[in-house]
Protein backbone atom coordinates (compact mmCIF):
# COMPACT_ATOMS: atom_id res chain seq x y z
CA MET A 1 22.17 -52.60 25.88
CA PRO A 2 19.86 -52.62 22.75
CA ASP A 3 21.53 -52.96 19.33
CA PRO A 4 21.33 -49.46 17.63
CA PHE A 5 20.95 -51.32 14.31
CA ASP A 6 17.64 -52.81 15.41
CA ALA A 7 15.92 -49.62 14.01
CA LEU A 8 17.18 -50.34 10.56
CA ARG A 9 15.67 -53.83 10.69
CA ALA A 10 12.25 -52.64 11.64
CA PRO A 11 9.66 -52.14 8.86
CA SER A 12 9.65 -48.81 7.16
CA GLN A 13 6.66 -46.50 8.30
CA PRO A 14 5.49 -43.98 5.78
CA VAL A 15 5.08 -40.46 7.00
CA ASP A 16 3.36 -37.51 5.44
CA PRO A 17 5.71 -35.14 3.67
CA ASP A 18 6.05 -31.50 4.67
CA PRO A 19 3.04 -29.83 2.94
CA LEU A 20 4.98 -26.77 1.76
CA PHE A 21 7.76 -29.06 0.30
CA ALA A 22 5.07 -31.34 -1.45
CA ALA A 23 3.37 -28.24 -2.83
CA GLU A 24 6.66 -26.76 -4.23
CA LEU A 25 7.76 -30.07 -5.62
CA ARG A 26 4.42 -30.72 -7.25
CA ASP A 27 4.53 -27.30 -8.83
CA ASN A 28 8.17 -27.85 -10.14
CA LEU A 29 7.21 -31.16 -11.62
CA ARG A 30 4.22 -29.71 -13.29
CA ARG A 31 6.25 -26.85 -14.74
CA ALA A 32 8.93 -29.03 -15.90
CA VAL A 33 6.46 -31.20 -17.70
CA LEU A 34 4.40 -28.58 -19.22
CA ASN A 35 7.38 -26.49 -20.43
CA GLY A 36 8.24 -29.31 -22.74
CA ALA A 37 4.72 -28.91 -24.53
CA ASP A 38 4.32 -27.35 -27.91
CA MET A 39 4.20 -23.64 -27.42
CA THR A 40 1.43 -23.33 -29.91
CA THR A 41 -0.99 -24.79 -27.28
CA THR A 42 0.18 -23.29 -24.14
CA GLU A 43 -1.74 -21.47 -21.49
CA THR A 44 -2.02 -17.82 -20.34
CA PRO A 45 0.93 -17.26 -17.84
CA ALA A 46 -0.14 -16.49 -14.24
CA ALA A 47 1.34 -13.02 -14.64
CA THR A 48 -1.19 -12.24 -17.26
CA ALA A 49 -4.23 -13.24 -15.12
CA GLU A 50 -6.10 -10.19 -13.70
CA VAL A 51 -8.31 -9.30 -10.86
CA ARG A 52 -11.49 -8.33 -12.65
CA ALA A 53 -14.64 -6.52 -11.65
CA LEU A 54 -16.11 -9.74 -10.38
CA THR A 55 -13.68 -12.12 -8.71
CA PRO A 56 -14.65 -15.27 -6.60
CA TYR A 57 -13.32 -15.40 -3.06
CA LEU A 58 -13.86 -18.74 -1.57
CA VAL A 59 -13.87 -19.76 1.94
CA VAL A 60 -12.55 -23.49 2.36
CA THR A 61 -12.00 -25.89 5.11
CA ASP A 62 -8.27 -26.55 4.12
CA ALA A 63 -6.65 -24.09 1.99
CA ARG A 64 -3.41 -25.77 1.30
CA ALA A 65 -5.20 -28.96 0.16
CA ALA A 66 -7.64 -26.88 -1.88
CA LEU A 67 -4.82 -25.14 -3.77
CA ASP A 68 -3.32 -28.58 -4.70
CA PHE A 69 -6.91 -29.78 -5.72
CA TYR A 70 -7.56 -26.82 -8.04
CA VAL A 71 -3.95 -27.01 -9.65
CA GLU A 72 -4.57 -30.72 -10.29
CA VAL A 73 -8.35 -30.54 -11.31
CA PHE A 74 -8.54 -27.12 -13.14
CA GLY A 75 -4.88 -26.68 -14.38
CA ALA A 76 -4.64 -23.53 -12.12
CA ARG A 77 -1.38 -21.69 -11.44
CA ARG A 78 -0.21 -20.45 -8.18
CA ARG A 79 0.06 -16.67 -7.72
CA ALA A 80 2.50 -15.72 -5.00
CA GLU A 81 2.78 -17.50 -1.65
CA PRO A 82 -0.27 -17.89 0.50
CA ILE A 83 -0.52 -15.46 3.45
CA VAL A 84 -0.43 -17.68 6.66
CA MET A 85 -1.68 -16.10 10.03
CA GLU A 86 0.10 -16.70 13.34
CA ASP A 87 -2.17 -19.62 14.23
CA GLY A 88 -1.27 -21.39 11.04
CA ARG A 89 -4.54 -20.77 9.13
CA VAL A 90 -4.18 -19.36 5.55
CA GLY A 91 -5.71 -15.86 5.46
CA HIS A 92 -5.31 -15.38 1.81
CA ALA A 93 -4.23 -17.22 -1.31
CA GLU A 94 -4.62 -16.68 -5.09
CA LEU A 95 -4.61 -18.91 -8.21
CA ALA A 96 -4.75 -18.08 -11.89
CA ILE A 97 -7.29 -19.93 -14.01
CA GLY A 98 -7.01 -18.81 -17.68
CA ASP A 99 -7.06 -15.02 -17.59
CA SER A 100 -8.77 -14.74 -14.19
CA VAL A 101 -7.87 -14.72 -10.52
CA LEU A 102 -9.42 -17.10 -7.84
CA MET A 103 -8.97 -15.92 -4.31
CA LEU A 104 -9.50 -18.15 -1.22
CA ALA A 105 -8.91 -18.39 2.59
CA GLU A 106 -9.62 -20.73 5.28
CA GLU A 107 -12.59 -20.37 7.86
CA PHE A 108 -12.47 -17.57 10.25
CA PRO A 109 -15.63 -17.85 12.22
CA GLU A 110 -14.63 -14.94 14.44
CA LEU A 111 -14.98 -12.73 11.34
CA GLY A 112 -18.05 -14.49 9.87
CA ASN A 113 -16.13 -16.36 7.31
CA VAL A 114 -17.40 -19.94 7.25
CA VAL A 115 -17.97 -22.60 4.52
CA ALA A 116 -21.58 -22.44 3.34
CA ALA A 117 -23.55 -25.48 4.53
CA ALA A 118 -24.77 -26.47 1.04
CA GLY A 119 -21.48 -25.76 -0.74
CA GLY A 120 -22.24 -22.11 -1.53
CA PRO A 121 -22.98 -20.84 -5.21
CA LEU A 122 -22.13 -22.84 -8.34
CA ILE A 123 -18.99 -21.41 -9.79
CA ARG A 124 -18.45 -22.06 -13.55
CA VAL A 125 -14.88 -22.82 -14.60
CA GLU A 126 -13.55 -23.54 -18.10
CA VAL A 127 -11.05 -26.40 -18.66
CA ALA A 128 -9.46 -27.98 -21.72
CA ASP A 129 -10.91 -31.50 -21.01
CA VAL A 130 -14.11 -31.71 -19.04
CA GLN A 131 -14.16 -35.44 -18.77
CA ALA A 132 -10.50 -35.60 -17.54
CA SER A 133 -11.04 -32.82 -14.93
CA ALA A 134 -14.26 -34.49 -13.50
CA ARG A 135 -12.40 -37.87 -13.35
CA ARG A 136 -9.48 -36.28 -11.64
CA ALA A 137 -11.66 -34.53 -9.22
CA VAL A 138 -13.40 -37.81 -8.09
CA GLU A 139 -9.98 -39.43 -7.80
CA LEU A 140 -8.87 -36.75 -5.37
CA GLY A 141 -11.99 -37.00 -3.12
CA GLY A 142 -14.50 -34.75 -5.01
CA GLU A 143 -18.12 -35.55 -5.50
CA LEU A 144 -19.59 -35.84 -9.02
CA GLU A 145 -23.02 -34.03 -8.55
CA ARG A 146 -23.99 -34.16 -12.28
CA PRO A 147 -22.20 -36.47 -14.93
CA VAL A 148 -20.50 -34.62 -17.86
CA SER A 149 -22.94 -34.33 -20.71
CA ASP A 150 -23.85 -31.81 -23.50
CA THR A 151 -26.96 -29.98 -22.53
CA GLY A 152 -27.07 -27.86 -25.67
CA HIS A 153 -24.37 -25.49 -24.51
CA GLY A 154 -21.33 -27.68 -24.91
CA LEU A 155 -20.01 -30.30 -22.54
CA SER A 156 -20.28 -29.56 -18.82
CA GLY A 157 -20.69 -31.36 -15.38
CA ALA A 158 -21.07 -30.43 -11.81
CA ILE A 159 -18.71 -31.42 -8.97
CA LYS A 160 -18.36 -30.61 -5.24
CA ASP A 161 -14.79 -30.53 -4.02
CA PRO A 162 -13.72 -31.93 -0.75
CA TYR A 163 -13.49 -28.39 0.69
CA GLY A 164 -17.05 -27.28 0.58
CA GLN A 165 -17.26 -25.66 -2.94
CA ARG A 166 -19.52 -26.54 -5.79
CA TRP A 167 -18.31 -26.15 -9.39
CA LEU A 168 -19.76 -26.18 -13.02
CA VAL A 169 -16.85 -27.59 -15.16
CA ALA A 170 -17.29 -26.45 -18.62
CA GLN A 171 -15.39 -27.42 -21.85
CA ALA A 172 -13.28 -24.26 -22.96
CA ALA A 173 -13.55 -23.10 -26.61
CA ALA A 174 -10.80 -24.60 -28.84
CA SER A 175 -9.55 -21.18 -29.65
CA GLY A 176 -9.46 -19.92 -26.00
CA THR A 177 -6.82 -20.16 -23.32
CA SER A 178 -8.04 -22.07 -20.24
CA GLY A 179 -6.20 -23.11 -17.14
CA ALA A 180 -5.57 -26.70 -18.16
CA SER A 181 -4.16 -25.99 -21.68
CA GLY A 182 -0.49 -25.78 -21.20
CA ALA A 183 2.41 -23.86 -19.80
CA SER A 184 4.09 -20.61 -20.89
CA GLY A 185 3.70 -17.94 -23.34
CA SER A 186 0.38 -16.99 -25.02
CA LYS A 187 1.76 -16.19 -28.44
CA PRO A 188 5.11 -16.37 -30.31
CA VAL A 189 7.50 -13.56 -29.77
CA ARG A 190 8.87 -12.03 -32.95
CA HIS A 191 12.57 -11.61 -33.84
CA GLY A 192 14.16 -8.76 -31.94
CA GLU A 193 11.40 -8.55 -29.43
CA ALA A 194 11.92 -8.96 -25.70
CA GLY A 195 10.41 -12.29 -24.54
CA TYR A 196 11.36 -12.47 -20.83
CA PHE A 197 12.81 -10.04 -18.24
CA THR A 198 14.81 -11.28 -15.11
CA PHE A 199 15.39 -8.80 -12.33
CA GLN A 200 18.74 -9.83 -10.75
CA VAL A 201 19.30 -8.56 -7.19
CA PRO A 202 21.67 -9.37 -4.44
CA ASP A 203 19.13 -10.80 -2.01
CA GLY A 204 15.66 -12.09 -3.31
CA GLU A 205 13.77 -11.84 0.14
CA THR A 206 14.87 -8.19 0.60
CA ALA A 207 13.68 -7.31 -2.99
CA LYS A 208 10.42 -9.17 -2.64
CA ALA A 209 9.67 -7.29 0.66
CA PHE A 210 10.53 -3.88 -0.98
CA TYR A 211 8.91 -4.26 -4.45
CA GLY A 212 5.88 -5.98 -2.77
CA ALA A 213 5.30 -3.03 -0.50
CA VAL A 214 6.05 -0.37 -3.10
CA LEU A 215 4.55 -1.68 -6.32
CA GLY A 216 2.27 -4.44 -5.09
CA TRP A 217 4.06 -7.24 -6.83
CA GLN A 218 3.44 -10.83 -5.64
CA PHE A 219 5.87 -13.70 -6.26
CA SER A 220 5.46 -17.33 -7.21
CA PRO A 221 8.24 -19.91 -6.70
CA GLY A 222 10.58 -20.41 -9.74
CA ARG A 223 12.72 -23.25 -10.97
CA VAL A 224 16.03 -22.04 -9.42
CA GLU A 225 17.13 -21.31 -6.01
CA ASP A 226 16.08 -17.91 -4.88
CA GLY A 227 14.12 -17.47 -8.16
CA TRP A 228 10.61 -16.06 -8.27
CA GLY A 229 7.95 -15.30 -10.96
CA ILE A 230 6.72 -11.76 -10.76
CA GLU A 231 3.03 -11.44 -10.54
CA GLY A 232 0.85 -8.20 -11.06
CA SER A 233 3.63 -6.38 -12.89
CA GLY A 234 2.42 -6.65 -16.56
CA LEU A 235 5.77 -8.17 -17.40
CA GLN A 236 6.62 -11.56 -18.51
CA GLY A 237 9.48 -11.99 -16.08
CA GLY A 238 10.92 -13.00 -12.73
CA LEU A 239 13.13 -12.05 -9.87
CA TRP A 240 16.49 -13.89 -9.11
CA GLY A 241 18.36 -13.35 -6.03
CA GLY A 242 21.87 -14.08 -5.09
CA PRO A 243 25.50 -12.88 -5.30
CA GLY A 244 27.90 -13.03 -8.34
CA ARG A 245 25.39 -11.77 -11.03
CA GLN A 246 25.17 -8.49 -12.59
CA VAL A 247 22.55 -6.50 -10.64
CA GLY A 248 19.65 -5.00 -12.60
CA TRP A 249 17.31 -6.22 -15.48
CA LYS A 250 18.58 -8.85 -17.69
CA VAL A 251 16.52 -9.29 -20.88
CA MET A 252 15.96 -12.23 -23.10
CA TYR A 253 15.46 -11.37 -26.78
CA ALA A 254 13.94 -13.55 -29.48
CA VAL A 255 15.89 -14.30 -32.55
CA ASP A 256 14.85 -16.39 -35.78
CA ASP A 257 18.23 -18.14 -35.99
CA LEU A 258 20.33 -18.26 -32.75
CA ALA A 259 23.61 -19.45 -34.43
CA ALA A 260 23.53 -16.61 -36.78
CA ALA A 261 22.73 -14.09 -34.11
CA LEU A 262 25.58 -15.36 -31.93
CA ASP A 263 28.07 -14.81 -34.87
CA ARG A 264 26.84 -11.25 -35.15
CA VAL A 265 27.41 -10.71 -31.46
CA ARG A 266 30.89 -11.79 -31.61
CA ALA A 267 31.55 -9.90 -34.99
CA HIS A 268 30.48 -6.70 -33.29
CA GLY A 269 32.63 -6.93 -30.30
CA GLY A 270 30.44 -8.74 -27.87
CA GLN A 271 30.69 -12.20 -26.18
CA ALA A 272 28.44 -15.28 -26.64
CA ASP A 273 28.40 -18.54 -24.88
CA GLU A 274 27.35 -21.74 -26.70
CA PRO A 275 23.73 -22.45 -27.21
CA GLU A 276 21.84 -24.67 -24.54
CA GLN A 277 18.76 -26.60 -25.19
CA GLN A 278 16.00 -25.42 -22.61
CA PRO A 279 12.31 -26.62 -22.36
CA TYR A 280 11.36 -23.31 -24.08
CA GLY A 281 13.91 -23.46 -26.93
CA LEU A 282 17.51 -22.81 -27.59
CA SER A 283 19.13 -19.98 -25.56
CA ALA A 284 22.65 -18.46 -25.00
CA GLU A 285 23.99 -16.04 -22.58
CA CYS A 286 25.62 -12.99 -24.18
CA VAL A 287 27.48 -9.75 -23.19
CA ASP A 288 27.34 -6.63 -25.44
CA ASP A 289 30.29 -4.53 -26.32
CA GLN A 290 29.79 -2.38 -23.19
CA GLY A 291 29.49 -5.18 -20.65
CA ILE A 292 25.72 -5.50 -20.52
CA GLU A 293 24.51 -9.12 -20.03
CA PHE A 294 21.51 -10.53 -21.98
CA TRP A 295 20.08 -13.70 -23.26
CA LEU A 296 19.33 -14.64 -26.94
CA TRP A 297 16.52 -17.12 -27.56
CA GLU A 298 15.33 -19.17 -30.52
CA GLN A 299 11.71 -20.49 -30.05
CA PRO A 300 10.94 -24.01 -31.14
CA ARG A 301 9.56 -24.28 -34.72
CA SER A 302 6.15 -25.67 -34.96
């Protein structure tokens, strides 16, 4: 009878991770790192990117890998979850780059949607660091068609990604917001203004199906279990499912001095937890004198 411990003595064999797990882990790590950045140099949130009069819609050979590539190379942010067809092909996916939306899908020859033989049209994309983006593209299997140089209109270079698309990568203006420049929040929120909205519901999947159908909202994975960023709503906010929380909208308000604001909450009959340091600044959960929950938030000082 073979010894069952023989399997433990055998050399370890690496296996490819589940692609959905890898994509979610990569996004969570990227978000955790970028949320610690100086908020004065942060990017436009994915929720503020818009579908405009002219929106690129790419056909790629491998949509899942292409999504990862564009996040890594262009600093793109995922918008909602890809729509996967019954045969496993990605039928539709969206990314936010700066204030614009990029759509893509895999090949569907039966519908006439195939990758162009020569890589299709050249699409221009602005990034915070052209040299770094071009270098990362080559590291991930892309081809540098034209080295980065200044041709009289700023730094730019041309690449072809591994999935059949050609790109003109250009340096973003210093005052602009590009896909690779940072994390969350495009401008400081003033004292007393609402900085973030969280829609708390008993069941996240049910709420996503309902509001997706009724309002056209799309959802991107958040940092907590059953937490989702809300896309296409015009709100800087998210949806959070699960029992034990007050159902409805819970708002985070900005304050100049969190400690003083918490003293005022308690002095006027409310309740306030102790402040906690978050990647985006100090925050504390509170309840007003009528039992309504909210957060107070002090932004990092530059």
